[in-house]
C-alpha cells in the first residue's frame, strides 16, 4: 500500500490564485501600456458613475468649465487607481500579451 504525504511544504497562507502564474515585469513597456489600458477602462467606469450625480447639488454649479475640470480630474483618478488600486486588469493583460 502506498502512503500519501499530506503535508504542505509551502509557508502559510498560500495564495492559490497566484500559484503557477507568470511573473510580471512592472518596468517593461508592455506593462506600462497595460496600466494605461486599465486606466482607460477605469475612466469609462468613472464616467458612467459621474452621470448618476445630480448637477443641481454641485459646488461649481455646472457649466462647461465644470465638465472640463471633472473630466481632467477623473482622468487623474483613473491613472492613480490603475497604478495603485490593484484591480489586476493590467497584470492579466500583461500576462496574456507576453505569453504570445
N, C-alpha and C. Protein backbone atom coordinates (compact mmCIF):
# COMPACT_ATOMS: atom_id res chain seq x y z
N UNK A 1 0.84 -1.18 0.00
CA UNK A 1 0.00 0.00 0.00
C UNK A 1 0.89 1.25 0.00
N UNK A 2 0.53 2.22 -0.81
CA UNK A 2 1.31 3.45 -0.95
C UNK A 2 0.80 4.49 0.04
N UNK A 3 1.75 5.14 0.73
CA UNK A 3 1.35 6.19 1.67
C UNK A 3 1.36 7.54 0.96
N UNK A 4 0.45 8.38 1.34
CA UNK A 4 0.32 9.70 0.74
C UNK A 4 0.75 10.74 1.76
N UNK A 5 1.64 11.63 1.34
CA UNK A 5 2.11 12.70 2.21
C UNK A 5 1.19 13.90 2.04
N UNK A 6 0.48 14.26 3.08
CA UNK A 6 -0.48 15.36 3.01
C UNK A 6 0.06 16.67 3.57
N UNK A 7 1.33 16.69 3.93
CA UNK A 7 1.89 17.93 4.46
C UNK A 7 2.25 18.86 3.32
N UNK A 8 2.11 20.14 3.57
CA UNK A 8 2.41 21.16 2.58
C UNK A 8 3.75 21.79 2.95
N UNK A 9 4.67 21.85 2.01
CA UNK A 9 5.97 22.44 2.29
C UNK A 9 5.99 23.96 2.12
N UNK A 10 4.88 24.53 1.66
CA UNK A 10 4.80 25.98 1.46
C UNK A 10 4.43 26.67 2.76
N UNK A 11 4.99 27.86 2.99
CA UNK A 11 4.58 28.61 4.17
C UNK A 11 3.14 29.10 4.00
N UNK A 12 2.43 29.16 5.08
CA UNK A 12 1.04 29.62 5.03
C UNK A 12 0.99 31.12 5.22
N UNK A 13 0.04 31.84 4.72
CA UNK A 13 -1.01 31.35 3.85
C UNK A 13 -0.52 31.24 2.41
N UNK A 14 -1.00 30.27 1.71
CA UNK A 14 -0.65 30.07 0.31
C UNK A 14 -1.67 30.79 -0.55
N UNK A 15 -1.20 31.64 -1.44
CA UNK A 15 -2.09 32.35 -2.36
C UNK A 15 -2.29 31.46 -3.58
N UNK A 16 -3.33 30.66 -3.55
CA UNK A 16 -3.57 29.69 -4.63
C UNK A 16 -3.90 30.37 -5.94
N UNK A 17 -4.42 31.59 -5.89
CA UNK A 17 -4.75 32.30 -7.13
C UNK A 17 -3.49 32.66 -7.91
N UNK A 18 -2.37 32.88 -7.20
CA UNK A 18 -1.14 33.27 -7.87
C UNK A 18 -0.20 32.09 -8.14
N UNK A 19 -0.53 30.95 -7.62
CA UNK A 19 0.33 29.78 -7.79
C UNK A 19 0.44 29.42 -9.26
N UNK A 20 1.65 29.31 -9.74
CA UNK A 20 1.89 28.91 -11.12
C UNK A 20 1.72 30.01 -12.15
N UNK A 21 1.52 31.24 -11.72
CA UNK A 21 1.36 32.34 -12.67
C UNK A 21 2.71 32.89 -13.10
N UNK A 22 2.72 33.44 -14.29
CA UNK A 22 3.91 34.08 -14.83
C UNK A 22 4.20 35.37 -14.09
N UNK A 23 5.48 35.65 -13.85
CA UNK A 23 5.87 36.88 -13.16
C UNK A 23 5.60 38.08 -14.06
N UNK A 24 5.34 39.21 -13.44
CA UNK A 24 5.05 40.45 -14.16
C UNK A 24 6.23 41.39 -14.02
N UNK A 25 6.77 41.85 -15.15
CA UNK A 25 7.86 42.82 -15.15
C UNK A 25 7.25 44.21 -15.17
N UNK A 26 7.15 44.83 -14.00
CA UNK A 26 6.46 46.11 -13.88
C UNK A 26 7.24 47.28 -14.45
N UNK A 27 8.44 47.04 -14.94
CA UNK A 27 9.25 48.11 -15.55
C UNK A 27 9.26 48.03 -17.07
N UNK A 28 8.58 47.05 -17.63
CA UNK A 28 8.59 46.89 -19.09
C UNK A 28 7.60 47.84 -19.75
N UNK A 29 7.82 48.08 -21.02
CA UNK A 29 6.92 48.94 -21.80
C UNK A 29 5.55 48.29 -21.95
N UNK A 30 5.53 46.96 -22.07
CA UNK A 30 4.26 46.25 -22.20
C UNK A 30 3.41 46.43 -20.95
N UNK A 31 4.03 46.38 -19.78
CA UNK A 31 3.28 46.56 -18.54
C UNK A 31 2.76 47.99 -18.44
N UNK A 32 3.57 48.95 -18.83
CA UNK A 32 3.12 50.35 -18.79
C UNK A 32 1.92 50.57 -19.71
N UNK A 33 1.95 49.93 -20.87
CA UNK A 33 0.82 50.02 -21.79
C UNK A 33 -0.41 49.32 -21.19
N UNK A 34 -0.19 48.23 -20.48
CA UNK A 34 -1.29 47.51 -19.83
C UNK A 34 -1.94 48.37 -18.74
N UNK A 35 -1.11 49.10 -17.99
CA UNK A 35 -1.63 50.01 -16.97
C UNK A 35 -2.41 51.15 -17.62
N UNK A 36 -1.92 51.64 -18.74
CA UNK A 36 -2.64 52.70 -19.46
C UNK A 36 -4.01 52.20 -19.93
N UNK A 37 -4.06 50.96 -20.41
CA UNK A 37 -5.34 50.40 -20.84
C UNK A 37 -6.28 50.23 -19.66
N UNK A 38 -5.74 49.76 -18.53
CA UNK A 38 -6.57 49.64 -17.33
C UNK A 38 -7.10 51.01 -16.92
N UNK A 39 -6.28 52.03 -17.05
CA UNK A 39 -6.69 53.39 -16.73
C UNK A 39 -7.85 53.83 -17.62
N UNK A 40 -7.80 53.49 -18.89
CA UNK A 40 -8.91 53.82 -19.79
C UNK A 40 -10.20 53.12 -19.36
N UNK A 41 -10.07 51.87 -18.96
CA UNK A 41 -11.24 51.11 -18.50
C UNK A 41 -11.83 51.75 -17.25
N UNK A 42 -10.98 52.10 -16.30
CA UNK A 42 -11.45 52.74 -15.07
C UNK A 42 -12.08 54.09 -15.38
N UNK A 43 -11.49 54.82 -16.32
CA UNK A 43 -12.02 56.14 -16.73
C UNK A 43 -13.44 56.00 -17.26
N UNK A 44 -13.67 54.97 -18.07
CA UNK A 44 -15.02 54.73 -18.59
C UNK A 44 -15.99 54.43 -17.45
N UNK A 45 -15.53 53.65 -16.48
CA UNK A 45 -16.37 53.31 -15.34
C UNK A 45 -16.71 54.57 -14.53
N UNK A 46 -15.72 55.42 -14.31
CA UNK A 46 -15.96 56.66 -13.57
C UNK A 46 -16.89 57.61 -14.33
N UNK A 47 -16.77 57.63 -15.64
CA UNK A 47 -17.63 58.48 -16.46
C UNK A 47 -19.10 58.07 -16.32
N UNK A 48 -19.36 56.78 -16.32
CA UNK A 48 -20.73 56.29 -16.14
C UNK A 48 -21.22 56.64 -14.74
N UNK A 49 -20.36 56.50 -13.75
CA UNK A 49 -20.74 56.84 -12.39
C UNK A 49 -21.03 58.33 -12.26
N UNK A 50 -20.24 59.14 -12.96
CA UNK A 50 -20.41 60.60 -12.89
C UNK A 50 -21.77 61.03 -13.43
N UNK A 51 -22.29 60.31 -14.39
CA UNK A 51 -23.59 60.66 -14.98
C UNK A 51 -24.74 60.44 -14.00
N UNK A 52 -24.50 59.74 -12.91
CA UNK A 52 -25.56 59.49 -11.93
C UNK A 52 -25.66 60.59 -10.88
N UNK A 53 -24.73 61.55 -10.89
CA UNK A 53 -24.71 62.62 -9.91
C UNK A 53 -25.68 63.73 -10.32
N UNK A 54 -26.46 64.22 -9.38
CA UNK A 54 -27.39 65.31 -9.66
C UNK A 54 -26.62 66.62 -9.75
N UNK A 55 -26.75 67.32 -10.85
CA UNK A 55 -25.99 68.55 -11.11
C UNK A 55 -26.43 69.73 -10.25
N UNK A 56 -27.64 69.77 -9.79
CA UNK A 56 -28.08 70.94 -9.03
C UNK A 56 -27.40 71.04 -7.66
N UNK A 57 -26.79 69.96 -7.19
CA UNK A 57 -26.12 69.97 -5.90
C UNK A 57 -24.62 70.22 -6.01
N UNK A 58 -24.12 70.53 -7.20
CA UNK A 58 -22.69 70.69 -7.41
C UNK A 58 -22.15 71.97 -6.81
N UNK A 59 -20.91 71.90 -6.36
CA UNK A 59 -20.23 73.05 -5.79
C UNK A 59 -19.99 74.13 -6.85
N UNK A 60 -19.65 73.71 -8.06
CA UNK A 60 -19.33 74.67 -9.13
C UNK A 60 -20.54 75.06 -9.96
N UNK A 61 -21.70 74.55 -9.63
CA UNK A 61 -22.98 74.85 -10.27
C UNK A 61 -23.00 74.62 -11.78
N UNK A 62 -22.35 73.56 -12.23
CA UNK A 62 -22.45 73.12 -13.61
C UNK A 62 -21.71 73.97 -14.61
N UNK A 63 -22.03 73.78 -15.86
CA UNK A 63 -21.41 74.54 -16.94
C UNK A 63 -20.26 73.79 -17.59
N UNK A 64 -19.76 74.41 -18.66
CA UNK A 64 -18.68 73.79 -19.43
C UNK A 64 -17.39 73.70 -18.62
N UNK A 65 -17.11 74.70 -17.80
CA UNK A 65 -15.87 74.66 -17.02
C UNK A 65 -15.87 73.51 -16.02
N UNK A 66 -17.02 73.23 -15.45
CA UNK A 66 -17.11 72.10 -14.53
C UNK A 66 -16.92 70.80 -15.28
N UNK A 67 -17.48 70.69 -16.48
CA UNK A 67 -17.31 69.48 -17.27
C UNK A 67 -15.84 69.23 -17.61
N UNK A 68 -15.14 70.29 -17.99
CA UNK A 68 -13.71 70.17 -18.32
C UNK A 68 -12.91 69.79 -17.08
N UNK A 69 -13.19 70.48 -15.98
CA UNK A 69 -12.48 70.19 -14.73
C UNK A 69 -12.71 68.76 -14.27
N UNK A 70 -13.97 68.33 -14.26
CA UNK A 70 -14.28 66.98 -13.82
C UNK A 70 -13.68 65.94 -14.75
N UNK A 71 -13.66 66.21 -16.05
CA UNK A 71 -13.04 65.29 -16.99
C UNK A 71 -11.56 65.08 -16.70
N UNK A 72 -10.86 66.19 -16.46
CA UNK A 72 -9.43 66.08 -16.15
C UNK A 72 -9.22 65.44 -14.78
N UNK A 73 -10.08 65.75 -13.83
CA UNK A 73 -9.97 65.17 -12.50
C UNK A 73 -10.15 63.66 -12.55
N UNK A 74 -11.17 63.21 -13.27
CA UNK A 74 -11.42 61.77 -13.37
C UNK A 74 -10.33 61.05 -14.18
N UNK A 75 -9.71 61.75 -15.13
CA UNK A 75 -8.54 61.16 -15.82
C UNK A 75 -7.43 60.85 -14.82
N UNK A 76 -7.17 61.81 -13.94
CA UNK A 76 -6.12 61.62 -12.94
C UNK A 76 -6.52 60.55 -11.92
N UNK A 77 -7.79 60.55 -11.52
CA UNK A 77 -8.26 59.49 -10.62
C UNK A 77 -8.04 58.12 -11.25
N UNK A 78 -8.38 57.99 -12.52
CA UNK A 78 -8.25 56.71 -13.20
C UNK A 78 -6.79 56.27 -13.28
N UNK A 79 -5.88 57.20 -13.58
CA UNK A 79 -4.46 56.86 -13.64
C UNK A 79 -3.95 56.37 -12.30
N UNK A 80 -4.29 57.09 -11.23
CA UNK A 80 -3.85 56.70 -9.89
C UNK A 80 -4.46 55.37 -9.46
N UNK A 81 -5.71 55.17 -9.78
CA UNK A 81 -6.36 53.91 -9.42
C UNK A 81 -5.73 52.75 -10.16
N UNK A 82 -5.38 52.94 -11.42
CA UNK A 82 -4.75 51.88 -12.20
C UNK A 82 -3.36 51.55 -11.64
N UNK A 83 -2.65 52.57 -11.17
CA UNK A 83 -1.31 52.35 -10.64
C UNK A 83 -1.32 51.74 -9.24
N UNK A 84 -2.31 52.05 -8.43
CA UNK A 84 -2.25 51.68 -7.02
C UNK A 84 -3.38 50.80 -6.49
N UNK A 85 -4.51 50.78 -7.14
CA UNK A 85 -5.68 50.13 -6.54
C UNK A 85 -5.63 48.62 -6.62
N UNK A 86 -4.87 48.06 -7.52
CA UNK A 86 -4.77 46.61 -7.59
C UNK A 86 -5.98 45.92 -8.19
N UNK A 87 -6.58 46.53 -9.19
CA UNK A 87 -7.70 45.88 -9.88
C UNK A 87 -7.25 44.55 -10.49
N UNK A 88 -6.03 44.51 -10.97
CA UNK A 88 -5.50 43.28 -11.55
C UNK A 88 -5.67 43.18 -13.05
N UNK A 89 -6.36 44.12 -13.65
CA UNK A 89 -6.58 44.06 -15.09
C UNK A 89 -5.27 44.23 -15.85
N UNK A 90 -4.40 45.13 -15.41
CA UNK A 90 -3.12 45.34 -16.10
C UNK A 90 -2.25 44.09 -16.03
N UNK A 91 -2.24 43.42 -14.88
CA UNK A 91 -1.46 42.18 -14.75
C UNK A 91 -1.98 41.11 -15.70
N UNK A 92 -3.30 40.99 -15.77
CA UNK A 92 -3.91 40.00 -16.65
C UNK A 92 -3.60 40.30 -18.11
N UNK A 93 -3.71 41.55 -18.50
CA UNK A 93 -3.40 41.95 -19.88
C UNK A 93 -1.94 41.67 -20.19
N UNK A 94 -1.06 42.02 -19.26
CA UNK A 94 0.38 41.80 -19.45
C UNK A 94 0.66 40.30 -19.65
N UNK A 95 0.11 39.46 -18.78
CA UNK A 95 0.36 38.02 -18.90
C UNK A 95 -0.19 37.46 -20.22
N UNK A 96 -1.35 37.95 -20.60
CA UNK A 96 -1.97 37.46 -21.85
C UNK A 96 -1.13 37.83 -23.05
N UNK A 97 -0.66 39.08 -23.11
CA UNK A 97 0.09 39.54 -24.27
C UNK A 97 1.53 39.06 -24.27
N UNK A 98 2.14 38.88 -23.11
CA UNK A 98 3.53 38.46 -23.08
C UNK A 98 3.69 36.97 -23.35
N UNK A 99 2.61 36.22 -23.24
CA UNK A 99 2.70 34.77 -23.50
C UNK A 99 2.66 34.46 -24.99
N UNK A 100 2.38 35.44 -25.80
CA UNK A 100 2.27 35.22 -27.25
C UNK A 100 3.59 35.36 -27.93
